[in-house]
N, C-alpha and C. Protein backbone atom coordinates (compact mmCIF):
# COMPACT_ATOMS: atom_id res chain seq x y z
N MET A 1 -108.57 -61.95 -36.72
CA MET A 1 -108.06 -63.17 -37.30
C MET A 1 -106.56 -63.34 -37.02
N GLU A 2 -105.81 -62.27 -37.09
CA GLU A 2 -104.38 -62.37 -36.89
C GLU A 2 -104.04 -62.86 -35.50
N HIS A 3 -104.77 -62.41 -34.50
CA HIS A 3 -104.50 -62.82 -33.12
C HIS A 3 -104.74 -64.31 -32.94
N ARG A 4 -105.74 -64.83 -33.59
CA ARG A 4 -106.03 -66.27 -33.48
C ARG A 4 -104.91 -67.07 -34.13
N GLU A 5 -104.37 -66.58 -35.23
CA GLU A 5 -103.29 -67.30 -35.89
C GLU A 5 -102.04 -67.33 -35.03
N ILE A 6 -101.74 -66.24 -34.35
CA ILE A 6 -100.55 -66.18 -33.52
C ILE A 6 -100.69 -67.11 -32.32
N LEU A 7 -101.89 -67.17 -31.74
CA LEU A 7 -102.10 -67.97 -30.55
C LEU A 7 -102.58 -69.39 -30.85
N ALA A 8 -102.57 -69.79 -32.11
CA ALA A 8 -103.00 -71.14 -32.48
C ALA A 8 -102.03 -72.17 -31.90
N PRO A 9 -102.52 -73.39 -31.65
CA PRO A 9 -101.66 -74.42 -31.06
C PRO A 9 -100.39 -74.70 -31.86
N ASP A 10 -100.44 -74.53 -33.17
CA ASP A 10 -99.27 -74.78 -34.00
C ASP A 10 -98.17 -73.77 -33.74
N ASN A 11 -98.52 -72.59 -33.29
CA ASN A 11 -97.55 -71.52 -33.12
C ASN A 11 -97.12 -71.33 -31.66
N LYS A 12 -97.41 -72.27 -30.77
CA LYS A 12 -97.04 -72.11 -29.37
C LYS A 12 -95.53 -71.97 -29.21
N PHE A 13 -94.81 -72.78 -29.96
CA PHE A 13 -93.36 -72.72 -29.85
C PHE A 13 -92.83 -71.37 -30.32
N CYS A 14 -93.40 -70.85 -31.38
CA CYS A 14 -92.98 -69.56 -31.91
C CYS A 14 -93.25 -68.44 -30.92
N VAL A 15 -94.43 -68.44 -30.31
CA VAL A 15 -94.79 -67.41 -29.36
C VAL A 15 -93.90 -67.49 -28.13
N SER A 16 -93.67 -68.69 -27.62
CA SER A 16 -92.82 -68.84 -26.44
C SER A 16 -91.38 -68.45 -26.75
N LYS A 17 -90.95 -68.67 -27.96
CA LYS A 17 -89.60 -68.27 -28.36
C LYS A 17 -89.48 -66.75 -28.40
N ILE A 18 -90.49 -66.08 -28.87
CA ILE A 18 -90.50 -64.61 -28.90
C ILE A 18 -90.52 -64.06 -27.48
N ILE A 19 -91.34 -64.64 -26.62
CA ILE A 19 -91.40 -64.18 -25.23
C ILE A 19 -90.06 -64.40 -24.54
N MET A 20 -89.40 -65.53 -24.79
CA MET A 20 -88.09 -65.79 -24.18
C MET A 20 -87.05 -64.81 -24.71
N HIS A 21 -87.14 -64.46 -25.96
CA HIS A 21 -86.21 -63.48 -26.54
C HIS A 21 -86.38 -62.12 -25.86
N ILE A 22 -87.62 -61.72 -25.63
CA ILE A 22 -87.88 -60.44 -24.95
C ILE A 22 -87.39 -60.49 -23.51
N LYS A 23 -87.60 -61.62 -22.81
CA LYS A 23 -87.10 -61.77 -21.44
C LYS A 23 -85.58 -61.64 -21.41
N ASN A 24 -84.92 -62.29 -22.37
CA ASN A 24 -83.46 -62.22 -22.43
C ASN A 24 -83.00 -60.79 -22.64
N ASN A 25 -83.65 -60.07 -23.52
CA ASN A 25 -83.26 -58.69 -23.78
C ASN A 25 -83.47 -57.80 -22.56
N PHE A 26 -84.59 -57.99 -21.85
CA PHE A 26 -84.81 -57.23 -20.63
C PHE A 26 -83.78 -57.56 -19.57
N LEU A 27 -83.42 -58.83 -19.46
CA LEU A 27 -82.44 -59.25 -18.46
C LEU A 27 -81.07 -58.64 -18.73
N VAL A 28 -80.61 -58.67 -19.97
CA VAL A 28 -79.29 -58.10 -20.25
C VAL A 28 -79.31 -56.58 -20.14
N ALA A 29 -80.41 -55.95 -20.51
CA ALA A 29 -80.49 -54.49 -20.34
C ALA A 29 -80.46 -54.12 -18.87
N ALA A 30 -81.17 -54.89 -18.04
CA ALA A 30 -81.15 -54.64 -16.59
C ALA A 30 -79.76 -54.89 -16.01
N ALA A 31 -79.04 -55.85 -16.57
CA ALA A 31 -77.68 -56.14 -16.10
C ALA A 31 -76.77 -54.94 -16.33
N TYR A 32 -76.91 -54.30 -17.48
CA TYR A 32 -76.09 -53.12 -17.75
C TYR A 32 -76.52 -51.93 -16.91
N LEU A 33 -77.82 -51.80 -16.66
CA LEU A 33 -78.31 -50.63 -15.93
C LEU A 33 -78.08 -50.71 -14.43
N PHE A 34 -78.25 -51.88 -13.84
CA PHE A 34 -78.25 -51.98 -12.38
C PHE A 34 -77.10 -52.79 -11.80
N GLY A 35 -76.49 -53.67 -12.55
CA GLY A 35 -75.35 -54.42 -12.06
C GLY A 35 -75.70 -55.70 -11.33
N ILE A 36 -76.71 -55.70 -10.49
CA ILE A 36 -77.08 -56.90 -9.73
C ILE A 36 -77.55 -58.03 -10.65
N PRO A 37 -78.34 -57.76 -11.68
CA PRO A 37 -78.69 -58.85 -12.60
C PRO A 37 -77.46 -59.45 -13.29
N ALA A 38 -76.41 -58.68 -13.48
CA ALA A 38 -75.19 -59.22 -14.07
C ALA A 38 -74.57 -60.26 -13.15
N LEU A 39 -74.59 -59.99 -11.86
CA LEU A 39 -74.10 -60.96 -10.88
C LEU A 39 -74.99 -62.19 -10.87
N TYR A 40 -76.29 -62.00 -10.97
CA TYR A 40 -77.24 -63.12 -11.03
C TYR A 40 -76.95 -64.00 -12.25
N ILE A 41 -76.71 -63.38 -13.39
CA ILE A 41 -76.41 -64.14 -14.61
C ILE A 41 -75.12 -64.92 -14.44
N ALA A 42 -74.11 -64.30 -13.87
CA ALA A 42 -72.82 -64.95 -13.73
C ALA A 42 -72.85 -66.12 -12.76
N LEU A 43 -73.74 -66.08 -11.77
CA LEU A 43 -73.77 -67.12 -10.74
C LEU A 43 -74.80 -68.23 -11.00
N THR A 44 -75.59 -68.11 -12.03
CA THR A 44 -76.62 -69.12 -12.32
C THR A 44 -76.37 -69.73 -13.70
N ASP A 45 -77.31 -70.56 -14.13
CA ASP A 45 -77.17 -71.24 -15.42
C ASP A 45 -77.40 -70.32 -16.62
N TRP A 46 -77.83 -69.10 -16.37
CA TRP A 46 -78.01 -68.15 -17.48
C TRP A 46 -76.69 -67.90 -18.20
N ARG A 47 -75.57 -68.05 -17.52
CA ARG A 47 -74.27 -67.79 -18.13
C ARG A 47 -73.95 -68.77 -19.26
N LYS A 48 -74.64 -69.90 -19.30
CA LYS A 48 -74.40 -70.91 -20.34
C LYS A 48 -75.06 -70.56 -21.67
N LYS A 49 -76.00 -69.64 -21.63
CA LYS A 49 -76.65 -69.20 -22.87
C LYS A 49 -75.74 -68.19 -23.56
N ASP A 50 -75.61 -68.30 -24.84
CA ASP A 50 -74.64 -67.47 -25.57
C ASP A 50 -74.87 -65.98 -25.38
N TYR A 51 -76.05 -65.52 -25.76
CA TYR A 51 -76.32 -64.08 -25.74
C TYR A 51 -76.36 -63.52 -24.33
N VAL A 52 -77.12 -64.17 -23.47
CA VAL A 52 -77.28 -63.68 -22.09
C VAL A 52 -75.98 -63.81 -21.32
N GLY A 53 -75.29 -64.91 -21.48
CA GLY A 53 -74.02 -65.12 -20.78
C GLY A 53 -72.96 -64.12 -21.19
N PHE A 54 -72.87 -63.85 -22.48
CA PHE A 54 -71.90 -62.87 -22.98
C PHE A 54 -72.16 -61.49 -22.39
N HIS A 55 -73.40 -61.03 -22.51
CA HIS A 55 -73.72 -59.69 -22.01
C HIS A 55 -73.71 -59.62 -20.48
N GLY A 56 -74.10 -60.70 -19.82
CA GLY A 56 -74.07 -60.72 -18.36
C GLY A 56 -72.64 -60.60 -17.83
N GLY A 57 -71.72 -61.35 -18.43
CA GLY A 57 -70.32 -61.26 -18.02
C GLY A 57 -69.73 -59.90 -18.34
N GLN A 58 -70.08 -59.39 -19.47
CA GLN A 58 -69.56 -58.07 -19.87
C GLN A 58 -70.12 -56.97 -18.97
N ALA A 59 -71.39 -57.06 -18.61
CA ALA A 59 -71.98 -56.07 -17.71
C ALA A 59 -71.35 -56.15 -16.32
N LEU A 60 -71.01 -57.35 -15.87
CA LEU A 60 -70.36 -57.50 -14.57
C LEU A 60 -68.98 -56.84 -14.59
N VAL A 61 -68.23 -57.04 -15.65
CA VAL A 61 -66.92 -56.39 -15.79
C VAL A 61 -67.09 -54.87 -15.86
N LEU A 62 -68.10 -54.43 -16.58
CA LEU A 62 -68.36 -53.00 -16.70
C LEU A 62 -68.64 -52.38 -15.33
N TRP A 63 -69.48 -53.03 -14.52
CA TRP A 63 -69.79 -52.49 -13.20
C TRP A 63 -68.60 -52.54 -12.25
N CYS A 64 -67.75 -53.55 -12.40
CA CYS A 64 -66.51 -53.57 -11.60
C CYS A 64 -65.64 -52.37 -11.95
N TRP A 65 -65.53 -52.08 -13.23
CA TRP A 65 -64.75 -50.91 -13.65
C TRP A 65 -65.40 -49.62 -13.18
N PHE A 66 -66.72 -49.57 -13.19
CA PHE A 66 -67.41 -48.37 -12.70
C PHE A 66 -67.06 -48.10 -11.24
N PHE A 67 -67.07 -49.15 -10.42
CA PHE A 67 -66.73 -48.95 -9.00
C PHE A 67 -65.28 -48.52 -8.84
N VAL A 68 -64.37 -49.11 -9.60
CA VAL A 68 -62.96 -48.73 -9.51
C VAL A 68 -62.78 -47.26 -9.92
N ILE A 69 -63.38 -46.87 -11.02
CA ILE A 69 -63.24 -45.49 -11.50
C ILE A 69 -63.87 -44.50 -10.52
N PHE A 70 -65.08 -44.82 -10.04
CA PHE A 70 -65.75 -43.90 -9.13
C PHE A 70 -64.95 -43.71 -7.84
N PHE A 71 -64.49 -44.81 -7.26
CA PHE A 71 -63.77 -44.68 -5.99
C PHE A 71 -62.38 -44.07 -6.19
N ALA A 72 -61.78 -44.23 -7.37
CA ALA A 72 -60.52 -43.55 -7.64
C ALA A 72 -60.73 -42.03 -7.71
N VAL A 73 -61.79 -41.61 -8.38
CA VAL A 73 -62.10 -40.18 -8.45
C VAL A 73 -62.46 -39.66 -7.06
N ARG A 74 -63.22 -40.43 -6.30
CA ARG A 74 -63.59 -40.02 -4.94
C ARG A 74 -62.35 -39.89 -4.05
N LEU A 75 -61.42 -40.82 -4.17
CA LEU A 75 -60.18 -40.76 -3.40
C LEU A 75 -59.35 -39.55 -3.81
N LEU A 76 -59.28 -39.27 -5.10
CA LEU A 76 -58.54 -38.12 -5.59
C LEU A 76 -59.13 -36.82 -5.04
N VAL A 77 -60.44 -36.71 -5.08
CA VAL A 77 -61.11 -35.51 -4.56
C VAL A 77 -60.84 -35.37 -3.06
N ASP A 78 -60.94 -36.45 -2.31
CA ASP A 78 -60.69 -36.38 -0.86
C ASP A 78 -59.24 -36.02 -0.55
N LEU A 79 -58.31 -36.54 -1.34
CA LEU A 79 -56.90 -36.20 -1.12
C LEU A 79 -56.63 -34.72 -1.37
N VAL A 80 -57.18 -34.20 -2.45
CA VAL A 80 -56.99 -32.78 -2.75
C VAL A 80 -57.67 -31.93 -1.68
N TRP A 81 -58.86 -32.32 -1.23
CA TRP A 81 -59.55 -31.56 -0.21
C TRP A 81 -58.84 -31.62 1.13
N GLY A 82 -57.99 -32.62 1.33
CA GLY A 82 -57.20 -32.69 2.55
C GLY A 82 -56.20 -31.55 2.64
N PHE A 83 -55.75 -31.07 1.50
CA PHE A 83 -54.80 -29.95 1.48
C PHE A 83 -55.50 -28.62 1.34
N SER A 84 -56.45 -28.57 0.42
CA SER A 84 -57.15 -27.32 0.16
C SER A 84 -58.52 -27.63 -0.41
N TYR A 85 -59.53 -26.97 0.12
CA TYR A 85 -60.89 -27.19 -0.36
C TYR A 85 -61.07 -26.45 -1.68
N ILE A 86 -61.37 -27.21 -2.71
CA ILE A 86 -61.65 -26.64 -4.04
C ILE A 86 -63.06 -27.10 -4.42
N PRO A 87 -64.02 -26.19 -4.34
CA PRO A 87 -65.41 -26.59 -4.55
C PRO A 87 -65.72 -27.16 -5.93
N ILE A 88 -64.93 -26.81 -6.93
CA ILE A 88 -65.21 -27.27 -8.29
C ILE A 88 -65.00 -28.78 -8.43
N LEU A 89 -64.26 -29.39 -7.50
CA LEU A 89 -64.00 -30.82 -7.60
C LEU A 89 -65.24 -31.68 -7.39
N ILE A 90 -66.24 -31.15 -6.73
CA ILE A 90 -67.48 -31.91 -6.58
C ILE A 90 -68.13 -32.13 -7.96
N TRP A 91 -67.91 -31.18 -8.86
CA TRP A 91 -68.43 -31.34 -10.22
C TRP A 91 -67.69 -32.42 -10.99
N LEU A 92 -66.42 -32.62 -10.70
CA LEU A 92 -65.67 -33.71 -11.32
C LEU A 92 -66.31 -35.05 -10.94
N GLU A 93 -66.65 -35.17 -9.68
CA GLU A 93 -67.29 -36.40 -9.22
C GLU A 93 -68.67 -36.58 -9.85
N ARG A 94 -69.43 -35.53 -9.92
CA ARG A 94 -70.77 -35.61 -10.52
C ARG A 94 -70.70 -35.92 -12.01
N LEU A 95 -69.77 -35.30 -12.71
CA LEU A 95 -69.61 -35.60 -14.14
C LEU A 95 -69.17 -37.03 -14.37
N THR A 96 -68.34 -37.54 -13.49
CA THR A 96 -67.91 -38.94 -13.60
C THR A 96 -69.11 -39.87 -13.45
N VAL A 97 -69.96 -39.61 -12.47
CA VAL A 97 -71.15 -40.44 -12.26
C VAL A 97 -72.09 -40.33 -13.46
N LEU A 98 -72.27 -39.13 -13.99
CA LEU A 98 -73.14 -38.97 -15.17
C LEU A 98 -72.57 -39.68 -16.39
N ALA A 99 -71.28 -39.59 -16.59
CA ALA A 99 -70.66 -40.27 -17.73
C ALA A 99 -70.77 -41.78 -17.60
N LEU A 100 -70.50 -42.31 -16.43
CA LEU A 100 -70.60 -43.75 -16.24
C LEU A 100 -72.04 -44.23 -16.38
N GLY A 101 -72.98 -43.48 -15.82
CA GLY A 101 -74.39 -43.83 -15.97
C GLY A 101 -74.87 -43.74 -17.40
N GLY A 102 -74.40 -42.72 -18.11
CA GLY A 102 -74.76 -42.59 -19.52
C GLY A 102 -74.23 -43.72 -20.36
N TYR A 103 -73.01 -44.17 -20.06
CA TYR A 103 -72.44 -45.30 -20.80
C TYR A 103 -73.21 -46.59 -20.49
N ALA A 104 -73.66 -46.75 -19.24
CA ALA A 104 -74.46 -47.93 -18.88
C ALA A 104 -75.78 -47.93 -19.64
N VAL A 105 -76.41 -46.78 -19.75
CA VAL A 105 -77.67 -46.67 -20.50
C VAL A 105 -77.44 -46.97 -21.97
N TYR A 106 -76.34 -46.46 -22.53
CA TYR A 106 -76.00 -46.73 -23.93
C TYR A 106 -75.79 -48.22 -24.17
N CYS A 107 -75.06 -48.87 -23.28
CA CYS A 107 -74.82 -50.31 -23.42
C CYS A 107 -76.12 -51.11 -23.28
N ALA A 108 -76.97 -50.70 -22.34
CA ALA A 108 -78.26 -51.38 -22.15
C ALA A 108 -79.13 -51.23 -23.39
N TYR A 109 -79.14 -50.07 -23.98
CA TYR A 109 -79.92 -49.83 -25.20
C TYR A 109 -79.45 -50.75 -26.33
N ARG A 110 -78.13 -50.82 -26.51
CA ARG A 110 -77.60 -51.66 -27.58
C ARG A 110 -77.88 -53.13 -27.33
N ALA A 111 -77.73 -53.57 -26.09
CA ALA A 111 -77.97 -54.98 -25.76
C ALA A 111 -79.45 -55.33 -25.88
N PHE A 112 -80.32 -54.39 -25.50
CA PHE A 112 -81.76 -54.65 -25.59
C PHE A 112 -82.19 -54.90 -27.02
N TYR A 113 -81.58 -54.21 -27.96
CA TYR A 113 -81.94 -54.40 -29.37
C TYR A 113 -81.11 -55.46 -30.06
N GLY A 114 -80.42 -56.29 -29.28
CA GLY A 114 -79.79 -57.49 -29.82
C GLY A 114 -78.43 -57.32 -30.44
N GLN A 115 -77.77 -56.22 -30.19
CA GLN A 115 -76.44 -56.03 -30.76
C GLN A 115 -75.40 -56.73 -29.91
N ILE A 116 -74.44 -57.32 -30.58
CA ILE A 116 -73.29 -57.92 -29.91
C ILE A 116 -72.14 -56.92 -30.05
N PHE A 117 -71.60 -56.49 -28.94
CA PHE A 117 -70.51 -55.51 -28.96
C PHE A 117 -69.59 -55.79 -27.78
N LYS A 118 -68.39 -55.31 -27.86
CA LYS A 118 -67.45 -55.48 -26.77
C LYS A 118 -67.14 -54.12 -26.16
N ILE A 119 -67.16 -54.07 -24.85
CA ILE A 119 -66.77 -52.84 -24.16
C ILE A 119 -65.25 -52.76 -24.15
N PRO A 120 -64.70 -51.57 -24.22
CA PRO A 120 -63.23 -51.47 -24.15
C PRO A 120 -62.75 -51.80 -22.74
N HIS A 121 -61.74 -52.64 -22.65
CA HIS A 121 -61.18 -52.99 -21.35
C HIS A 121 -59.70 -53.28 -21.48
């Protein structure tokens, strides 16, 4: 009986609203995890929606910072290796990637469950 009530013609708007909410949450979580959906949100009409536009823009800024931080660490490691090879520096690069990836997963988790938050910048 419950399934019939949810899918009744009177509740079409409610069901489509729930489905759209889930799509929005998946889209913003993917934007934080992969970066390319953030660019898609920023370049299309999705940016005009409050929740999706906010998180899409924030995820794009986050991924820009990720690239800057990663390549700065990579440049630092290459500069040091130009003078002397220190094998432990590869772990600095790996820890940086793990930390940045972990923060992206954390942000995606929060955005998926509908939290509004600001990343430090």
